[in-house]
N, C-alpha and C. Protein backbone atom coordinates (compact mmCIF):
# COMPACT_ATOMS: atom_id res chain seq x y z
N MET A 1 -5.39 23.43 -4.15
CA MET A 1 -5.89 22.45 -3.09
C MET A 1 -5.10 22.53 -1.91
N THR A 2 -5.75 23.25 -1.13
CA THR A 2 -5.27 23.63 0.10
C THR A 2 -5.22 22.55 1.26
N ASP A 3 -5.85 21.48 0.91
CA ASP A 3 -5.94 20.18 1.73
C ASP A 3 -4.91 19.18 1.39
N LEU A 4 -3.93 19.42 0.48
CA LEU A 4 -3.25 18.41 0.03
C LEU A 4 -1.56 18.52 0.74
N ASP A 5 -1.42 16.95 1.19
CA ASP A 5 0.23 17.22 1.65
C ASP A 5 0.84 16.50 1.00
N LEU A 6 2.19 16.84 0.50
CA LEU A 6 3.13 16.09 -0.43
C LEU A 6 3.71 14.94 0.91
N LEU A 7 3.82 13.83 0.67
CA LEU A 7 4.68 12.79 1.56
C LEU A 7 5.73 12.09 0.85
N PRO A 8 6.86 12.76 0.66
CA PRO A 8 7.87 12.13 -0.29
C PRO A 8 8.75 10.70 0.35
N ALA A 9 8.70 10.05 -0.44
CA ALA A 9 9.55 8.56 -0.03
C ALA A 9 10.58 8.66 0.94
N THR A 10 11.51 9.85 0.62
CA THR A 10 12.67 9.88 1.56
C THR A 10 12.39 10.26 2.87
N GLN A 11 10.87 10.67 3.31
CA GLN A 11 10.61 11.04 4.76
C GLN A 11 9.83 10.02 5.21
N HIS A 12 9.34 8.99 4.74
CA HIS A 12 8.43 7.93 4.95
C HIS A 12 9.42 7.20 6.23
N ARG A 13 8.59 6.77 7.34
CA ARG A 13 9.60 6.03 8.63
C ARG A 13 9.63 4.53 8.39
N ARG A 14 10.81 4.15 8.46
CA ARG A 14 11.12 3.14 8.61
C ARG A 14 11.14 2.42 9.85
N MET A 15 10.72 1.05 10.36
CA MET A 15 10.47 0.53 11.71
C MET A 15 10.59 -1.02 11.38
N ARG A 16 11.07 -1.62 12.51
CA ARG A 16 11.02 -2.89 12.41
C ARG A 16 9.47 -3.68 12.58
N TRP A 17 9.23 -4.68 11.91
CA TRP A 17 7.88 -5.48 12.00
C TRP A 17 7.68 -5.56 13.38
N ALA A 18 6.50 -6.01 13.79
CA ALA A 18 6.04 -6.23 15.01
C ALA A 18 6.66 -7.39 15.70
N ASN A 19 6.77 -8.46 14.95
CA ASN A 19 7.51 -9.52 15.33
C ASN A 19 9.02 -9.61 15.29
N GLY A 20 9.61 -8.59 14.83
CA GLY A 20 11.14 -8.40 14.94
C GLY A 20 11.74 -9.08 13.57
N GLY A 21 10.94 -9.54 12.68
CA GLY A 21 11.53 -10.48 11.69
C GLY A 21 12.11 -9.60 10.58
N GLY A 22 11.69 -8.25 10.51
CA GLY A 22 12.30 -7.82 9.28
C GLY A 22 11.79 -6.06 9.22
N TRP A 23 11.66 -5.43 8.11
CA TRP A 23 11.68 -3.99 8.12
C TRP A 23 10.44 -3.51 7.22
N THR A 24 9.65 -2.64 7.73
CA THR A 24 8.62 -2.32 7.18
C THR A 24 8.81 -0.60 7.01
N THR A 25 8.37 0.22 5.71
CA THR A 25 8.42 1.63 5.62
C THR A 25 6.95 2.08 5.56
N GLU A 26 6.49 2.75 6.62
CA GLU A 26 5.56 3.46 6.86
C GLU A 26 5.20 4.50 5.90
N ILE A 27 4.25 4.48 4.97
CA ILE A 27 4.03 5.67 3.97
C ILE A 27 2.99 6.56 4.72
N ILE A 28 1.86 5.93 5.49
CA ILE A 28 0.88 6.89 6.13
C ILE A 28 0.18 6.29 7.19
N ALA A 29 -0.23 6.59 8.18
CA ALA A 29 -0.85 5.96 9.44
C ALA A 29 -1.91 7.00 9.97
N GLU A 30 -3.24 6.56 10.07
CA GLU A 30 -4.02 7.62 10.71
C GLU A 30 -4.83 7.02 11.60
N PRO A 31 -5.03 7.40 12.75
CA PRO A 31 -4.56 8.86 12.97
C PRO A 31 -2.86 8.82 13.48
N SER A 32 -1.97 9.67 13.19
CA SER A 32 -0.59 9.59 12.98
C SER A 32 -0.13 9.46 14.41
N SER A 33 -0.72 9.86 15.52
CA SER A 33 -0.42 9.51 16.80
C SER A 33 -1.14 8.50 17.74
N GLY A 34 -0.50 7.77 18.43
CA GLY A 34 -1.41 6.68 19.20
C GLY A 34 -1.51 5.44 18.32
N HIS A 35 -2.72 4.72 18.62
CA HIS A 35 -3.07 3.45 17.60
C HIS A 35 -3.71 4.13 16.38
N TRP A 36 -3.13 3.38 15.25
CA TRP A 36 -3.64 3.92 13.78
C TRP A 36 -5.25 3.29 13.75
N GLU A 37 -6.00 3.80 13.00
CA GLU A 37 -7.30 3.02 12.38
C GLU A 37 -7.02 2.34 11.24
N TRP A 38 -5.99 2.95 10.22
CA TRP A 38 -5.45 2.46 9.03
C TRP A 38 -4.01 2.76 8.75
N ARG A 39 -3.48 2.09 7.98
CA ARG A 39 -1.93 2.22 7.75
C ARG A 39 -1.63 1.83 6.51
N LEU A 40 -0.76 2.34 5.66
CA LEU A 40 -0.26 2.09 4.07
C LEU A 40 1.21 1.98 4.63
N SER A 41 1.88 0.57 4.04
CA SER A 41 3.30 0.75 4.31
C SER A 41 3.73 -0.38 3.31
N VAL A 42 5.08 -0.29 3.10
CA VAL A 42 5.86 -1.29 2.37
C VAL A 42 6.73 -2.20 3.13
N ALA A 43 6.70 -3.54 2.75
CA ALA A 43 7.66 -4.48 3.56
C ALA A 43 8.77 -4.88 2.34
N ASP A 44 9.91 -5.01 2.95
CA ASP A 44 10.96 -5.54 2.03
C ASP A 44 11.14 -6.81 2.75
N VAL A 45 10.89 -8.03 1.88
CA VAL A 45 10.86 -9.37 2.71
C VAL A 45 11.94 -10.26 1.88
N ASP A 46 13.16 -10.30 3.03
CA ASP A 46 14.49 -10.81 2.48
C ASP A 46 14.40 -12.45 2.53
N VAL A 47 13.45 -12.81 3.46
CA VAL A 47 13.57 -14.49 3.86
C VAL A 47 12.21 -14.86 4.40
N ALA A 48 11.80 -16.05 4.22
CA ALA A 48 10.67 -16.61 4.48
C ALA A 48 10.39 -16.68 5.99
N GLY A 49 8.95 -16.53 6.44
CA GLY A 49 8.90 -16.69 7.62
C GLY A 49 7.56 -16.12 8.18
N PRO A 50 7.26 -16.18 9.37
CA PRO A 50 5.92 -15.80 9.85
C PRO A 50 5.65 -14.23 9.83
N PHE A 51 4.29 -14.11 9.68
CA PHE A 51 3.76 -12.63 9.57
C PHE A 51 3.74 -12.15 10.93
N SER A 52 3.64 -10.89 11.23
CA SER A 52 3.29 -10.27 12.76
C SER A 52 1.85 -10.46 12.70
N LEU A 53 1.36 -10.69 13.80
CA LEU A 53 0.07 -10.82 14.14
C LEU A 53 -0.64 -9.34 14.59
N PHE A 54 -1.91 -9.16 13.93
CA PHE A 54 -2.64 -8.03 14.24
C PHE A 54 -4.04 -8.27 14.32
N PRO A 55 -4.02 -8.30 15.74
CA PRO A 55 -5.56 -8.93 15.93
C PRO A 55 -6.63 -7.55 15.71
N GLY A 56 -7.64 -7.96 15.20
CA GLY A 56 -8.81 -6.93 15.15
C GLY A 56 -8.34 -6.06 13.70
N VAL A 57 -7.55 -6.68 12.85
CA VAL A 57 -7.25 -5.89 11.66
C VAL A 57 -7.44 -6.58 10.54
N ASP A 58 -7.89 -6.09 9.31
CA ASP A 58 -7.84 -6.50 8.11
C ASP A 58 -6.75 -6.18 7.11
N ARG A 59 -6.25 -6.97 6.27
CA ARG A 59 -5.19 -6.73 5.40
C ARG A 59 -5.52 -6.75 3.93
N SER A 60 -4.69 -6.20 3.27
CA SER A 60 -4.71 -6.26 1.77
C SER A 60 -3.16 -6.16 1.46
N ILE A 61 -2.59 -6.90 0.69
CA ILE A 61 -1.22 -7.03 0.51
C ILE A 61 -1.10 -7.16 -0.98
N ALA A 62 -0.20 -6.80 -1.71
CA ALA A 62 0.11 -6.68 -3.02
C ALA A 62 1.60 -6.60 -3.59
N LEU A 63 1.91 -7.26 -4.31
CA LEU A 63 3.53 -7.35 -4.54
C LEU A 63 3.74 -6.22 -5.61
N LEU A 64 4.82 -5.59 -5.20
CA LEU A 64 5.25 -4.40 -6.02
C LEU A 64 6.66 -4.69 -6.79
N ARG A 65 7.63 -5.58 -6.20
CA ARG A 65 8.79 -5.88 -6.92
C ARG A 65 9.12 -7.41 -6.40
N GLY A 66 9.90 -8.03 -7.22
CA GLY A 66 10.37 -9.32 -7.22
C GLY A 66 9.42 -10.78 -7.64
N ALA A 67 9.91 -11.68 -7.61
CA ALA A 67 9.48 -13.03 -8.22
C ALA A 67 7.98 -13.22 -7.56
N GLY A 68 7.74 -12.68 -6.31
CA GLY A 68 6.64 -13.29 -5.61
C GLY A 68 6.66 -13.98 -4.48
N PHE A 69 5.71 -14.18 -3.78
CA PHE A 69 5.87 -15.18 -2.63
C PHE A 69 4.31 -15.80 -2.37
N ALA A 70 4.22 -16.78 -1.61
CA ALA A 70 3.26 -17.47 -1.15
C ALA A 70 2.89 -17.35 0.26
N LEU A 71 1.49 -17.21 0.28
CA LEU A 71 1.20 -17.05 2.03
C LEU A 71 0.21 -18.11 2.28
N THR A 72 0.31 -18.72 3.41
CA THR A 72 -0.38 -19.81 4.21
C THR A 72 -1.20 -19.03 5.05
N VAL A 73 -2.45 -18.78 5.22
CA VAL A 73 -3.12 -18.03 6.01
C VAL A 73 -4.22 -19.01 6.68
N GLY A 74 -4.08 -18.97 8.28
CA GLY A 74 -5.03 -19.79 8.89
C GLY A 74 -4.84 -21.45 8.45
N GLY A 75 -3.92 -21.80 8.16
CA GLY A 75 -3.81 -23.30 7.83
C GLY A 75 -4.23 -23.75 6.45
N ARG A 76 -4.93 -22.78 5.67
CA ARG A 76 -5.82 -23.08 4.63
C ARG A 76 -4.62 -23.20 3.42
N ASP A 77 -4.86 -23.54 2.12
CA ASP A 77 -4.00 -23.68 1.16
C ASP A 77 -3.24 -22.33 0.89
N GLU A 78 -2.20 -22.70 0.27
CA GLU A 78 -1.20 -21.55 0.10
C GLU A 78 -1.98 -20.79 -0.91
N GLU A 79 -1.66 -19.34 -1.01
CA GLU A 79 -2.01 -18.27 -1.94
C GLU A 79 -0.99 -17.81 -2.70
N VAL A 80 -0.52 -18.21 -3.75
CA VAL A 80 0.51 -17.67 -4.71
C VAL A 80 0.30 -16.23 -4.87
N ILE A 81 1.27 -15.19 -4.53
CA ILE A 81 1.16 -13.81 -5.07
C ILE A 81 2.16 -13.66 -6.00
N ASP A 82 2.12 -13.50 -7.34
CA ASP A 82 3.33 -13.43 -8.13
C ASP A 82 3.02 -12.41 -9.37
N LEU A 83 1.72 -11.84 -9.37
CA LEU A 83 1.76 -10.63 -10.03
C LEU A 83 1.57 -9.56 -9.39
N PRO A 84 2.28 -8.29 -9.78
CA PRO A 84 2.35 -6.98 -9.27
C PRO A 84 1.01 -6.42 -9.45
N HIS A 85 0.71 -5.86 -8.18
CA HIS A 85 -0.32 -4.93 -8.26
C HIS A 85 -1.91 -5.61 -8.25
N HIS A 86 -1.80 -6.96 -7.48
CA HIS A 86 -3.17 -7.39 -7.40
C HIS A 86 -3.20 -7.76 -5.82
N PRO A 87 -4.08 -7.06 -5.16
CA PRO A 87 -4.27 -7.27 -3.88
C PRO A 87 -4.91 -8.30 -3.46
N PHE A 88 -4.34 -9.01 -2.38
CA PHE A 88 -4.78 -10.18 -1.69
C PHE A 88 -5.33 -9.77 -0.34
N GLN A 89 -6.58 -10.19 0.15
CA GLN A 89 -6.99 -9.86 1.46
C GLN A 89 -7.16 -11.04 2.33
N PHE A 90 -6.84 -10.57 3.74
CA PHE A 90 -6.78 -11.62 4.79
C PHE A 90 -6.99 -10.78 6.23
N ALA A 91 -7.14 -11.82 7.17
CA ALA A 91 -7.32 -11.33 8.61
C ALA A 91 -6.08 -11.33 9.01
N GLY A 92 -5.59 -10.12 9.81
CA GLY A 92 -4.34 -9.97 10.40
C GLY A 92 -4.28 -10.75 11.80
N ASP A 93 -5.53 -11.27 12.10
CA ASP A 93 -5.43 -11.97 13.40
C ASP A 93 -5.32 -13.62 13.25
N GLU A 94 -5.22 -13.92 11.86
CA GLU A 94 -4.90 -15.26 11.63
C GLU A 94 -3.35 -15.52 11.44
N VAL A 95 -2.95 -16.68 11.80
CA VAL A 95 -1.61 -17.20 11.72
C VAL A 95 -1.45 -17.24 10.26
N THR A 96 -0.18 -16.46 9.95
CA THR A 96 0.12 -16.26 8.35
C THR A 96 1.74 -16.63 8.37
N THR A 97 1.92 -17.24 7.27
CA THR A 97 3.53 -17.55 7.07
C THR A 97 3.82 -17.50 5.43
N CYS A 98 4.75 -16.80 5.19
CA CYS A 98 5.45 -16.54 3.93
C CYS A 98 6.62 -17.43 3.25
N ARG A 99 6.16 -17.66 1.93
CA ARG A 99 7.11 -18.50 1.44
C ARG A 99 7.71 -17.59 0.13
N LEU A 100 9.01 -17.40 0.17
CA LEU A 100 9.29 -16.64 -1.23
C LEU A 100 9.48 -17.47 -2.44
N LEU A 101 9.12 -17.07 -3.66
CA LEU A 101 9.22 -17.82 -4.76
C LEU A 101 10.51 -18.07 -5.47
N ASP A 102 11.07 -16.93 -5.51
CA ASP A 102 12.61 -16.80 -5.98
C ASP A 102 13.21 -15.54 -5.54
N GLY A 103 13.57 -15.44 -4.24
CA GLY A 103 14.35 -14.61 -3.94
C GLY A 103 13.52 -13.36 -3.31
N ALA A 104 14.30 -12.15 -2.67
CA ALA A 104 13.52 -10.95 -2.00
C ALA A 104 12.57 -10.43 -2.87
N VAL A 105 11.52 -9.81 -2.13
CA VAL A 105 10.34 -9.19 -2.70
C VAL A 105 10.03 -7.82 -1.98
N GLN A 106 9.25 -7.09 -2.54
CA GLN A 106 8.97 -5.87 -1.91
C GLN A 106 7.20 -5.70 -2.12
N ASP A 107 6.58 -5.49 -1.15
CA ASP A 107 5.03 -5.55 -0.80
C ASP A 107 4.48 -4.41 -0.55
N LEU A 108 3.23 -4.31 -0.94
CA LEU A 108 2.54 -2.91 -0.27
C LEU A 108 1.41 -3.58 0.68
N ASN A 109 1.28 -3.13 1.79
CA ASN A 109 0.35 -3.71 2.60
C ASN A 109 -0.68 -2.11 3.14
N LEU A 110 -1.91 -2.49 3.12
CA LEU A 110 -2.97 -2.07 3.71
C LEU A 110 -3.55 -2.69 4.72
N MET A 111 -3.70 -1.77 5.95
CA MET A 111 -4.14 -2.71 7.29
C MET A 111 -5.32 -1.39 7.84
N THR A 112 -6.49 -2.32 8.01
CA THR A 112 -7.40 -1.29 8.46
C THR A 112 -7.99 -1.85 9.77
N THR A 113 -8.24 -1.42 10.93
CA THR A 113 -8.81 -1.95 11.95
C THR A 113 -10.29 -2.17 11.89
N ARG A 114 -10.78 -3.38 12.21
CA ARG A 114 -12.09 -3.37 12.27
C ARG A 114 -13.00 -2.55 12.90
N GLY A 115 -14.04 -1.82 12.26
CA GLY A 115 -14.84 -1.10 12.96
C GLY A 115 -14.57 0.38 12.85
N SER A 116 -13.45 0.58 11.84
CA SER A 116 -13.01 1.93 11.77
C SER A 116 -13.48 2.26 10.43
N GLY A 117 -14.26 1.61 9.64
CA GLY A 117 -14.25 1.83 8.34
C GLY A 117 -13.64 1.18 7.33
N PRO A 118 -14.18 0.37 6.29
CA PRO A 118 -13.40 -0.32 5.35
C PRO A 118 -12.77 0.62 4.36
N ARG A 119 -11.49 0.02 3.68
CA ARG A 119 -10.91 0.89 2.95
C ARG A 119 -10.66 -0.41 1.44
N ARG A 120 -10.24 0.06 0.51
CA ARG A 120 -10.07 -0.81 -0.52
C ARG A 120 -8.64 -0.26 -1.42
N LEU A 121 -7.67 -0.92 -1.52
CA LEU A 121 -6.56 -0.86 -2.41
C LEU A 121 -6.91 -0.85 -3.83
N ASP A 122 -6.76 0.09 -4.30
CA ASP A 122 -6.98 0.08 -6.10
C ASP A 122 -5.37 0.49 -6.70
N PHE A 123 -5.10 -0.16 -7.60
CA PHE A 123 -3.99 0.18 -8.60
C PHE A 123 -4.53 0.55 -9.94
N ILE A 124 -4.05 1.81 -10.34
CA ILE A 124 -4.18 2.53 -11.66
C ILE A 124 -3.06 2.47 -12.74
N HIS A 125 -3.18 2.02 -13.87
CA HIS A 125 -2.08 2.06 -14.46
C HIS A 125 -2.34 3.15 -15.66
N ILE A 126 -1.53 4.25 -15.93
CA ILE A 126 -1.85 5.32 -16.69
C ILE A 126 -1.01 5.27 -17.78
N PRO A 127 -1.21 5.09 -18.98
CA PRO A 127 -0.38 5.08 -20.13
C PRO A 127 0.45 6.55 -20.30
N PRO A 128 1.75 6.40 -20.93
CA PRO A 128 2.41 7.32 -21.05
C PRO A 128 1.83 9.00 -21.70
N LEU A 129 2.23 9.76 -20.86
CA LEU A 129 2.00 11.01 -21.23
C LEU A 129 0.35 10.92 -20.96
N SER A 130 -0.37 10.76 -20.37
CA SER A 130 -1.74 10.69 -20.17
C SER A 130 -2.13 11.60 -18.92
N THR A 131 -3.42 11.98 -18.87
CA THR A 131 -4.07 12.79 -17.70
C THR A 131 -5.31 12.17 -17.26
N ILE A 132 -5.51 11.64 -16.00
CA ILE A 132 -6.58 10.91 -15.61
C ILE A 132 -7.17 11.81 -14.38
N ASP A 133 -8.31 11.80 -14.30
CA ASP A 133 -8.95 12.38 -13.12
C ASP A 133 -9.40 11.14 -12.20
N LEU A 134 -9.16 11.07 -10.91
CA LEU A 134 -9.54 10.23 -9.69
C LEU A 134 -10.49 10.92 -8.84
N SER A 135 -11.53 10.30 -8.49
CA SER A 135 -12.41 11.06 -7.45
C SER A 135 -12.24 9.99 -6.07
N GLY A 136 -12.78 10.93 -5.06
CA GLY A 136 -13.02 10.28 -3.89
C GLY A 136 -11.39 9.89 -3.24
N VAL A 137 -10.43 10.36 -3.73
CA VAL A 137 -9.13 9.91 -3.37
C VAL A 137 -8.47 10.91 -1.89
N ASP A 138 -8.11 10.05 -1.07
CA ASP A 138 -7.51 10.52 0.11
C ASP A 138 -5.71 10.49 0.23
N VAL A 139 -5.41 9.15 -0.18
CA VAL A 139 -4.10 8.87 -0.24
C VAL A 139 -3.88 8.37 -1.55
N LEU A 140 -2.76 8.90 -2.53
CA LEU A 140 -2.07 8.29 -3.59
C LEU A 140 -0.81 8.10 -3.77
N VAL A 141 -0.48 6.82 -4.21
CA VAL A 141 1.05 6.60 -3.99
C VAL A 141 1.62 6.07 -5.55
N VAL A 142 2.78 6.76 -6.00
CA VAL A 142 3.13 6.06 -7.16
C VAL A 142 4.07 4.98 -6.92
N VAL A 143 3.60 3.88 -7.52
CA VAL A 143 4.28 2.50 -7.58
C VAL A 143 4.96 2.07 -8.51
N GLY A 144 5.16 2.86 -9.77
CA GLY A 144 5.75 2.68 -11.02
C GLY A 144 5.57 3.88 -11.60
N GLY A 145 6.77 3.99 -12.66
CA GLY A 145 6.98 5.19 -13.33
C GLY A 145 7.21 6.48 -12.52
N ARG A 146 6.51 7.56 -13.21
CA ARG A 146 6.49 8.97 -12.57
C ARG A 146 5.42 9.45 -13.07
N ALA A 147 4.89 10.49 -12.06
CA ALA A 147 3.68 11.25 -12.22
C ALA A 147 3.84 12.45 -11.57
N GLN A 148 3.06 13.45 -12.26
CA GLN A 148 2.76 14.82 -11.39
C GLN A 148 1.31 14.92 -11.09
N VAL A 149 1.33 15.40 -9.59
CA VAL A 149 -0.15 15.99 -9.24
C VAL A 149 -0.13 16.89 -8.67
N ALA A 150 -0.85 17.96 -8.88
CA ALA A 150 -0.72 19.39 -8.19
C ALA A 150 0.47 19.98 -8.25
N GLY A 151 1.24 19.88 -9.43
CA GLY A 151 2.72 20.54 -9.53
C GLY A 151 3.92 19.74 -8.63
N HIS A 152 3.47 18.58 -8.17
CA HIS A 152 4.32 17.99 -7.71
C HIS A 152 4.81 16.74 -8.54
N ASP A 153 6.23 16.89 -8.71
CA ASP A 153 6.74 15.43 -9.46
C ASP A 153 6.96 14.57 -8.70
N LEU A 154 6.35 13.42 -8.73
CA LEU A 154 6.49 12.00 -7.81
C LEU A 154 7.14 10.91 -8.63
N GLY A 155 7.96 10.38 -7.93
CA GLY A 155 8.80 9.11 -8.20
C GLY A 155 8.21 7.85 -7.15
N TYR A 156 8.94 6.96 -7.46
CA TYR A 156 8.61 5.66 -6.56
C TYR A 156 8.63 5.91 -5.08
N LEU A 157 7.37 5.41 -4.71
CA LEU A 157 6.67 5.58 -3.16
C LEU A 157 6.49 6.97 -2.90
N ASP A 158 6.71 7.79 -3.63
CA ASP A 158 6.11 9.43 -3.28
C ASP A 158 4.67 9.36 -3.20
N ALA A 159 4.04 10.06 -2.15
CA ALA A 159 2.52 10.05 -2.05
C ALA A 159 2.04 11.64 -1.95
N ILE A 160 0.79 11.74 -2.19
CA ILE A 160 -0.17 12.58 -1.85
C ILE A 160 -1.31 12.25 -0.93
N HIS A 161 -1.51 13.16 0.31
CA HIS A 161 -2.47 12.61 1.07
C HIS A 161 -3.37 14.10 0.94
N ARG A 162 -4.75 13.92 1.21
CA ARG A 162 -5.76 14.90 1.06
C ARG A 162 -6.34 14.74 2.41
N ALA A 163 -6.62 15.94 3.35
CA ALA A 163 -7.22 15.77 4.65
C ALA A 163 -8.74 15.29 4.11
N ARG A 164 -9.35 15.79 3.05
CA ARG A 164 -10.68 15.20 2.84
C ARG A 164 -10.66 14.41 1.43
N PRO A 165 -11.13 13.30 1.21
CA PRO A 165 -11.30 12.63 -0.05
C PRO A 165 -11.81 13.49 -0.80
N GLY A 166 -11.32 13.61 -2.31
CA GLY A 166 -11.98 14.67 -3.24
C GLY A 166 -11.08 14.13 -4.54
N PRO A 167 -11.55 14.83 -5.59
CA PRO A 167 -10.75 14.59 -6.96
C PRO A 167 -9.29 14.92 -6.90
N ILE A 168 -8.74 14.03 -7.65
CA ILE A 168 -6.93 14.59 -8.06
C ILE A 168 -6.83 14.07 -9.45
N THR A 169 -6.05 14.89 -10.29
CA THR A 169 -5.78 15.09 -11.53
C THR A 169 -4.33 14.32 -11.40
N VAL A 170 -3.97 13.33 -12.29
CA VAL A 170 -2.71 12.69 -12.27
C VAL A 170 -2.18 12.78 -13.88
N ASN A 171 -1.08 13.41 -13.85
CA ASN A 171 -0.42 13.22 -15.08
C ASN A 171 0.69 12.44 -15.47
N SER A 172 0.85 11.57 -16.18
CA SER A 172 1.91 10.53 -16.23
C SER A 172 2.87 11.07 -17.11
N ARG A 173 4.29 10.50 -16.74
CA ARG A 173 5.46 11.07 -17.58
C ARG A 173 5.57 9.86 -18.84
N GLN A 174 6.81 10.14 -19.44
CA GLN A 174 7.12 9.35 -20.74
C GLN A 174 6.94 7.90 -20.56
N ASP A 175 7.37 7.34 -19.53
CA ASP A 175 7.34 5.75 -19.15
C ASP A 175 5.66 5.29 -18.65
N GLY A 176 4.96 6.30 -18.38
CA GLY A 176 3.56 6.29 -18.00
C GLY A 176 3.69 6.06 -16.26
N ALA A 177 2.69 5.61 -15.78
CA ALA A 177 2.73 5.52 -14.22
C ALA A 177 1.66 4.41 -13.70
N VAL A 178 1.96 3.91 -12.48
CA VAL A 178 1.34 3.07 -11.63
C VAL A 178 1.07 3.86 -10.41
N VAL A 179 -0.36 4.05 -10.00
CA VAL A 179 -0.54 4.72 -8.83
C VAL A 179 -1.51 3.77 -7.98
N THR A 180 -1.30 3.91 -6.70
CA THR A 180 -2.13 3.04 -6.03
C THR A 180 -3.01 4.13 -5.04
N SER A 181 -4.29 3.94 -4.63
CA SER A 181 -5.01 4.72 -3.68
C SER A 181 -5.52 3.63 -2.63
N ALA A 182 -5.78 4.08 -1.29
CA ALA A 182 -6.15 3.24 -0.27
C ALA A 182 -7.43 4.12 0.10
N THR A 183 -8.41 3.84 -0.75
CA THR A 183 -9.56 4.66 -0.64
C THR A 183 -10.66 4.14 0.44
N ALA A 184 -11.05 5.09 1.18
CA ALA A 184 -11.98 4.73 2.10
C ALA A 184 -13.58 4.36 1.15
N LEU A 185 -14.13 3.39 1.91
CA LEU A 185 -15.41 2.94 1.23
C LEU A 185 -16.47 3.84 1.99
N SER A 186 -17.43 4.24 1.35
CA SER A 186 -18.37 4.95 2.10
C SER A 186 -19.61 3.87 2.65
N HIS A 187 -19.96 4.41 3.78
CA HIS A 187 -21.19 3.40 4.28
C HIS A 187 -22.35 3.92 3.68
N GLY A 188 -23.17 2.58 3.70
CA GLY A 188 -24.56 2.60 3.52
C GLY A 188 -25.24 2.43 2.37
């Protein structure tokens, strides 16, 4: 695979939230310079509070670690997110507040600017010592267990990026693996 890049967790970029309230670790943003069209990141949320506003951006968020959190988006009823790996979608330009259920959490965020082409956040649970083939993948992140892709051993938050979407073979290790992909949806 000549169009495959390894994105080790140790090299992900850590930055302040747009509202200054916490920290996020950016796994990938495209394009990588200037204003991104889409971004996949992990937030460590230690205290309740408001989310940053992202006008013109659609968001998907999923719990990775911790007891969970509840979001109030645009003044509507609270949405409880307490099951890992189940994405919740909302508009980034709506006022959103977060309440922690029982201590700090870590969550995965996919943000896509409207008009840049939609993306879907998928989680795939791979049984121990199994091999699966995924199609149409341009970014894949290990969010549980360990996996191997194209000869690369991947642990928590290690990622693989392909310049062009295509098939990827994933081999899980002894404890199995959970991987996520932020797949571009085809138009049409």
